[in-house]
Amino acid sequence: MKRKISVMASGGLILVSLLLVMQLVSCATPGGRTAGEVLDDTSINTAVNVKLMSMPGVRSLGIDVDVMQGEVILSGRAHNENEEARIIDAVRTVTGVKKVTSMLKIIP
């Protein structure tokens, strides 16, 4: 009898643990986003920055990347309109990007 209670108790503990994990994942941040959405945006941000750093001729250090629910907002500088267009096109190829908004300033 004692053994059955132990198995039932451990099963209940697993169930409670799973429920707690599910609750944490679905919790909204102060900005109203779930932890999963924040994690997705962080992954997109990292991928965009890696993409920019690998682009020849692009001063990626002068470009700031912000991501909110898959929308990428670029700010900083570009040398010309052609470079800005190349940057936007490259960012659009990153998985998870839904929209790209450029606030880049053209500074030759």
N, C-alpha and C. Protein backbone atom coordinates (compact mmCIF):
# COMPACT_ATOMS: atom_id res chain seq x y z
N MET A 1 0.82 -1.20 0.00
CA MET A 1 0.00 0.00 0.00
C MET A 1 0.86 1.26 0.00
N LYS A 2 1.92 1.21 0.79
CA LYS A 2 2.79 2.36 0.87
C LYS A 2 3.42 2.69 -0.48
N ARG A 3 3.78 1.64 -1.23
CA ARG A 3 4.41 1.83 -2.54
C ARG A 3 3.46 2.51 -3.52
N LYS A 4 2.18 2.16 -3.52
CA LYS A 4 1.21 2.78 -4.42
C LYS A 4 1.06 4.26 -4.12
N ILE A 5 1.07 4.63 -2.88
CA ILE A 5 0.96 6.05 -2.51
C ILE A 5 2.18 6.81 -3.02
N SER A 6 3.36 6.21 -2.93
CA SER A 6 4.58 6.84 -3.40
C SER A 6 4.53 7.08 -4.91
N VAL A 7 4.07 6.10 -5.66
CA VAL A 7 3.95 6.23 -7.11
C VAL A 7 2.92 7.30 -7.45
N MET A 8 1.81 7.30 -6.75
CA MET A 8 0.78 8.31 -7.00
C MET A 8 1.29 9.70 -6.65
N ALA A 9 2.03 9.80 -5.56
CA ALA A 9 2.57 11.10 -5.15
C ALA A 9 3.56 11.62 -6.17
N SER A 10 4.42 10.74 -6.70
CA SER A 10 5.40 11.20 -7.68
C SER A 10 4.70 11.58 -8.99
N GLY A 11 3.65 10.87 -9.35
CA GLY A 11 2.87 11.23 -10.55
C GLY A 11 2.21 12.59 -10.37
N GLY A 12 1.71 12.85 -9.17
CA GLY A 12 1.10 14.15 -8.88
C GLY A 12 2.13 15.27 -8.92
N LEU A 13 3.33 14.97 -8.43
CA LEU A 13 4.41 15.95 -8.45
C LEU A 13 4.80 16.30 -9.89
N ILE A 14 4.85 15.29 -10.74
CA ILE A 14 5.16 15.54 -12.16
C ILE A 14 4.07 16.39 -12.79
N LEU A 15 2.83 16.08 -12.51
CA LEU A 15 1.71 16.85 -13.05
C LEU A 15 1.76 18.30 -12.59
N VAL A 16 2.01 18.52 -11.33
CA VAL A 16 2.09 19.89 -10.79
C VAL A 16 3.26 20.63 -11.44
N SER A 17 4.38 19.94 -11.61
CA SER A 17 5.55 20.56 -12.25
C SER A 17 5.24 20.98 -13.68
N LEU A 18 4.58 20.10 -14.41
CA LEU A 18 4.21 20.43 -15.79
C LEU A 18 3.26 21.62 -15.84
N LEU A 19 2.31 21.66 -14.95
CA LEU A 19 1.38 22.78 -14.91
C LEU A 19 2.09 24.10 -14.60
N LEU A 20 3.06 24.05 -13.69
CA LEU A 20 3.82 25.26 -13.36
C LEU A 20 4.63 25.75 -14.56
N VAL A 21 5.27 24.83 -15.27
CA VAL A 21 6.04 25.20 -16.46
C VAL A 21 5.13 25.81 -17.51
N MET A 22 3.97 25.19 -17.73
CA MET A 22 3.02 25.73 -18.71
C MET A 22 2.55 27.12 -18.31
N GLN A 23 2.34 27.32 -17.03
CA GLN A 23 1.90 28.63 -16.54
C GLN A 23 2.97 29.69 -16.77
N LEU A 24 4.22 29.34 -16.48
CA LEU A 24 5.33 30.29 -16.67
C LEU A 24 5.50 30.67 -18.14
N VAL A 25 5.39 29.68 -19.03
CA VAL A 25 5.57 29.95 -20.45
C VAL A 25 4.45 30.84 -20.97
N SER A 26 3.25 30.68 -20.44
CA SER A 26 2.13 31.47 -20.95
C SER A 26 1.97 32.81 -20.23
N CYS A 27 2.78 33.08 -19.22
CA CYS A 27 2.69 34.35 -18.50
C CYS A 27 3.07 35.50 -19.41
N ALA A 28 2.38 36.58 -19.28
CA ALA A 28 2.70 37.76 -20.06
C ALA A 28 3.72 38.61 -19.32
N THR A 29 4.60 39.24 -20.09
CA THR A 29 5.56 40.16 -19.51
C THR A 29 4.84 41.48 -19.26
N PRO A 30 5.49 42.43 -18.58
CA PRO A 30 4.83 43.73 -18.37
C PRO A 30 4.39 44.40 -19.67
N GLY A 31 5.06 44.09 -20.78
CA GLY A 31 4.68 44.65 -22.07
C GLY A 31 3.55 43.90 -22.73
N GLY A 32 3.00 42.88 -22.06
CA GLY A 32 1.88 42.14 -22.60
C GLY A 32 2.29 41.00 -23.51
N ARG A 33 3.58 40.69 -23.58
CA ARG A 33 4.05 39.60 -24.45
C ARG A 33 4.38 38.38 -23.59
N THR A 34 4.20 37.21 -24.19
CA THR A 34 4.54 35.99 -23.47
C THR A 34 6.05 35.79 -23.48
N ALA A 35 6.52 34.92 -22.60
CA ALA A 35 7.95 34.63 -22.55
C ALA A 35 8.41 34.05 -23.89
N GLY A 36 7.57 33.27 -24.53
CA GLY A 36 7.90 32.70 -25.84
C GLY A 36 8.08 33.77 -26.90
N GLU A 37 7.22 34.79 -26.87
CA GLU A 37 7.35 35.88 -27.84
C GLU A 37 8.64 36.66 -27.61
N VAL A 38 8.98 36.89 -26.37
CA VAL A 38 10.21 37.60 -26.06
C VAL A 38 11.41 36.79 -26.54
N LEU A 39 11.37 35.49 -26.32
CA LEU A 39 12.44 34.61 -26.76
C LEU A 39 12.56 34.61 -28.28
N ASP A 40 11.43 34.56 -28.98
CA ASP A 40 11.44 34.61 -30.44
C ASP A 40 12.07 35.91 -30.92
N ASP A 41 11.68 37.03 -30.34
CA ASP A 41 12.22 38.33 -30.75
C ASP A 41 13.72 38.41 -30.47
N THR A 42 14.16 37.82 -29.38
CA THR A 42 15.58 37.81 -29.06
C THR A 42 16.35 36.99 -30.09
N SER A 43 15.80 35.87 -30.51
CA SER A 43 16.43 35.04 -31.54
C SER A 43 16.51 35.78 -32.86
N ILE A 44 15.43 36.46 -33.23
CA ILE A 44 15.41 37.24 -34.47
C ILE A 44 16.46 38.35 -34.39
N ASN A 45 16.53 39.05 -33.27
CA ASN A 45 17.49 40.14 -33.08
C ASN A 45 18.92 39.62 -33.28
N THR A 46 19.22 38.51 -32.67
CA THR A 46 20.56 37.92 -32.80
C THR A 46 20.86 37.55 -34.25
N ALA A 47 19.90 36.91 -34.91
CA ALA A 47 20.10 36.49 -36.31
C ALA A 47 20.29 37.70 -37.23
N VAL A 48 19.54 38.77 -36.99
CA VAL A 48 19.67 39.98 -37.81
C VAL A 48 21.06 40.60 -37.60
N ASN A 49 21.50 40.69 -36.36
CA ASN A 49 22.82 41.26 -36.09
C ASN A 49 23.93 40.44 -36.73
N VAL A 50 23.82 39.12 -36.67
CA VAL A 50 24.81 38.25 -37.32
C VAL A 50 24.80 38.49 -38.82
N LYS A 51 23.61 38.59 -39.39
CA LYS A 51 23.48 38.83 -40.84
C LYS A 51 24.14 40.15 -41.22
N LEU A 52 23.90 41.21 -40.44
CA LEU A 52 24.48 42.51 -40.74
C LEU A 52 26.00 42.50 -40.62
N MET A 53 26.52 41.81 -39.61
CA MET A 53 27.96 41.75 -39.43
C MET A 53 28.65 40.98 -40.55
N SER A 54 27.93 40.08 -41.19
CA SER A 54 28.53 39.27 -42.26
C SER A 54 28.43 39.94 -43.63
N MET A 55 27.73 41.06 -43.70
CA MET A 55 27.56 41.75 -44.98
C MET A 55 28.77 42.63 -45.28
N PRO A 56 29.46 42.36 -46.41
CA PRO A 56 30.61 43.20 -46.75
C PRO A 56 30.19 44.64 -47.04
N GLY A 57 30.97 45.57 -46.52
CA GLY A 57 30.72 46.98 -46.80
C GLY A 57 29.68 47.64 -45.92
N VAL A 58 29.09 46.89 -45.01
CA VAL A 58 28.05 47.46 -44.15
C VAL A 58 28.65 47.71 -42.77
N ARG A 59 28.49 48.90 -42.30
CA ARG A 59 28.98 49.22 -40.95
C ARG A 59 27.93 48.77 -39.94
N SER A 60 27.94 47.50 -39.65
CA SER A 60 26.91 46.95 -38.77
C SER A 60 26.96 47.53 -37.36
N LEU A 61 28.11 48.03 -36.95
CA LEU A 61 28.19 48.59 -35.61
C LEU A 61 27.39 49.89 -35.50
N GLY A 62 27.12 50.53 -36.61
CA GLY A 62 26.36 51.77 -36.60
C GLY A 62 24.87 51.56 -36.76
N ILE A 63 24.44 50.31 -36.78
CA ILE A 63 23.02 50.01 -36.99
C ILE A 63 22.47 49.34 -35.73
N ASP A 64 21.41 49.93 -35.19
CA ASP A 64 20.73 49.36 -34.04
C ASP A 64 19.53 48.57 -34.52
N VAL A 65 19.30 47.42 -33.90
CA VAL A 65 18.21 46.53 -34.28
C VAL A 65 17.28 46.36 -33.09
N ASP A 66 16.01 46.67 -33.30
CA ASP A 66 14.98 46.43 -32.29
C ASP A 66 13.94 45.51 -32.92
N VAL A 67 13.44 44.56 -32.13
CA VAL A 67 12.45 43.61 -32.64
C VAL A 67 11.28 43.55 -31.66
N MET A 68 10.08 43.66 -32.21
CA MET A 68 8.86 43.55 -31.41
C MET A 68 7.86 42.74 -32.20
N GLN A 69 7.57 41.54 -31.71
CA GLN A 69 6.62 40.62 -32.33
C GLN A 69 6.93 40.37 -33.80
N GLY A 70 8.21 40.18 -34.10
CA GLY A 70 8.64 39.87 -35.45
C GLY A 70 8.88 41.08 -36.34
N GLU A 71 8.54 42.27 -35.87
CA GLU A 71 8.80 43.48 -36.66
C GLU A 71 10.17 44.02 -36.27
N VAL A 72 11.02 44.17 -37.28
CA VAL A 72 12.38 44.66 -37.07
C VAL A 72 12.42 46.15 -37.40
N ILE A 73 12.97 46.92 -36.47
CA ILE A 73 13.14 48.36 -36.68
C ILE A 73 14.64 48.63 -36.68
N LEU A 74 15.11 49.18 -37.79
CA LEU A 74 16.52 49.49 -37.95
C LEU A 74 16.74 50.98 -37.77
N SER A 75 17.73 51.33 -36.97
CA SER A 75 18.09 52.75 -36.84
C SER A 75 19.61 52.84 -36.87
N GLY A 76 20.07 54.01 -37.21
CA GLY A 76 21.51 54.22 -37.34
C GLY A 76 21.82 54.87 -38.67
N ARG A 77 22.93 54.44 -39.29
CA ARG A 77 23.36 55.09 -40.52
C ARG A 77 23.59 54.09 -41.64
N ALA A 78 23.45 54.59 -42.84
CA ALA A 78 23.83 53.86 -44.06
C ALA A 78 24.56 54.85 -44.94
N HIS A 79 25.44 54.35 -45.82
CA HIS A 79 26.23 55.23 -46.68
C HIS A 79 25.39 55.87 -47.79
N ASN A 80 24.40 55.09 -48.30
CA ASN A 80 23.56 55.58 -49.40
C ASN A 80 22.28 54.75 -49.46
N GLU A 81 21.37 55.12 -50.37
CA GLU A 81 20.09 54.42 -50.48
C GLU A 81 20.27 52.98 -50.93
N ASN A 82 21.27 52.73 -51.78
CA ASN A 82 21.53 51.37 -52.25
C ASN A 82 21.92 50.46 -51.08
N GLU A 83 22.78 50.97 -50.21
CA GLU A 83 23.18 50.20 -49.04
C GLU A 83 21.99 49.96 -48.12
N GLU A 84 21.17 50.97 -47.93
CA GLU A 84 19.97 50.81 -47.10
C GLU A 84 19.07 49.72 -47.67
N ALA A 85 18.88 49.71 -48.98
CA ALA A 85 18.03 48.70 -49.62
C ALA A 85 18.63 47.31 -49.46
N ARG A 86 19.95 47.18 -49.58
CA ARG A 86 20.61 45.88 -49.38
C ARG A 86 20.43 45.38 -47.96
N ILE A 87 20.53 46.30 -47.00
CA ILE A 87 20.36 45.95 -45.59
C ILE A 87 18.93 45.45 -45.35
N ILE A 88 17.95 46.19 -45.83
CA ILE A 88 16.54 45.82 -45.64
C ILE A 88 16.26 44.47 -46.28
N ASP A 89 16.75 44.26 -47.51
CA ASP A 89 16.54 42.99 -48.18
C ASP A 89 17.16 41.83 -47.41
N ALA A 90 18.35 42.05 -46.87
CA ALA A 90 19.03 41.00 -46.10
C ALA A 90 18.25 40.67 -44.83
N VAL A 91 17.76 41.69 -44.16
CA VAL A 91 17.01 41.47 -42.91
C VAL A 91 15.72 40.71 -43.18
N ARG A 92 15.08 40.98 -44.30
CA ARG A 92 13.83 40.29 -44.66
C ARG A 92 14.03 38.78 -44.82
N THR A 93 15.25 38.34 -45.11
CA THR A 93 15.51 36.92 -45.31
C THR A 93 15.65 36.15 -44.00
N VAL A 94 15.74 36.85 -42.88
CA VAL A 94 15.91 36.18 -41.59
C VAL A 94 14.60 35.53 -41.17
N THR A 95 14.70 34.29 -40.75
CA THR A 95 13.52 33.53 -40.32
C THR A 95 12.82 34.22 -39.15
N GLY A 96 11.52 34.40 -39.27
CA GLY A 96 10.72 35.00 -38.20
C GLY A 96 10.42 36.47 -38.40
N VAL A 97 11.15 37.11 -39.33
CA VAL A 97 10.91 38.53 -39.58
C VAL A 97 9.62 38.69 -40.37
N LYS A 98 8.70 39.48 -39.81
CA LYS A 98 7.41 39.72 -40.46
C LYS A 98 7.40 41.03 -41.21
N LYS A 99 8.14 42.01 -40.71
CA LYS A 99 8.13 43.34 -41.30
C LYS A 99 9.45 44.03 -40.94
N VAL A 100 9.94 44.86 -41.86
CA VAL A 100 11.16 45.63 -41.61
C VAL A 100 10.83 47.11 -41.78
N THR A 101 11.14 47.89 -40.75
CA THR A 101 10.96 49.33 -40.81
C THR A 101 12.34 49.96 -40.70
N SER A 102 12.69 50.78 -41.69
CA SER A 102 13.99 51.42 -41.68
C SER A 102 13.87 52.86 -41.21
N MET A 103 14.65 53.17 -40.20
CA MET A 103 14.78 54.54 -39.74
C MET A 103 16.24 54.97 -39.92
N LEU A 104 16.92 54.31 -40.88
CA LEU A 104 18.32 54.58 -41.14
C LEU A 104 18.46 55.97 -41.77
N LYS A 105 19.49 56.67 -41.35
CA LYS A 105 19.80 57.97 -41.93
C LYS A 105 20.94 57.79 -42.93
N ILE A 106 20.79 58.42 -44.09
CA ILE A 106 21.81 58.33 -45.11
C ILE A 106 22.90 59.36 -44.80
N ILE A 107 24.08 58.85 -44.47
CA ILE A 107 25.22 59.71 -44.19
C ILE A 107 26.39 59.18 -45.01
N PRO A 108 26.73 59.89 -46.09
CA PRO A 108 27.81 59.41 -46.98
C PRO A 108 29.16 59.34 -46.30
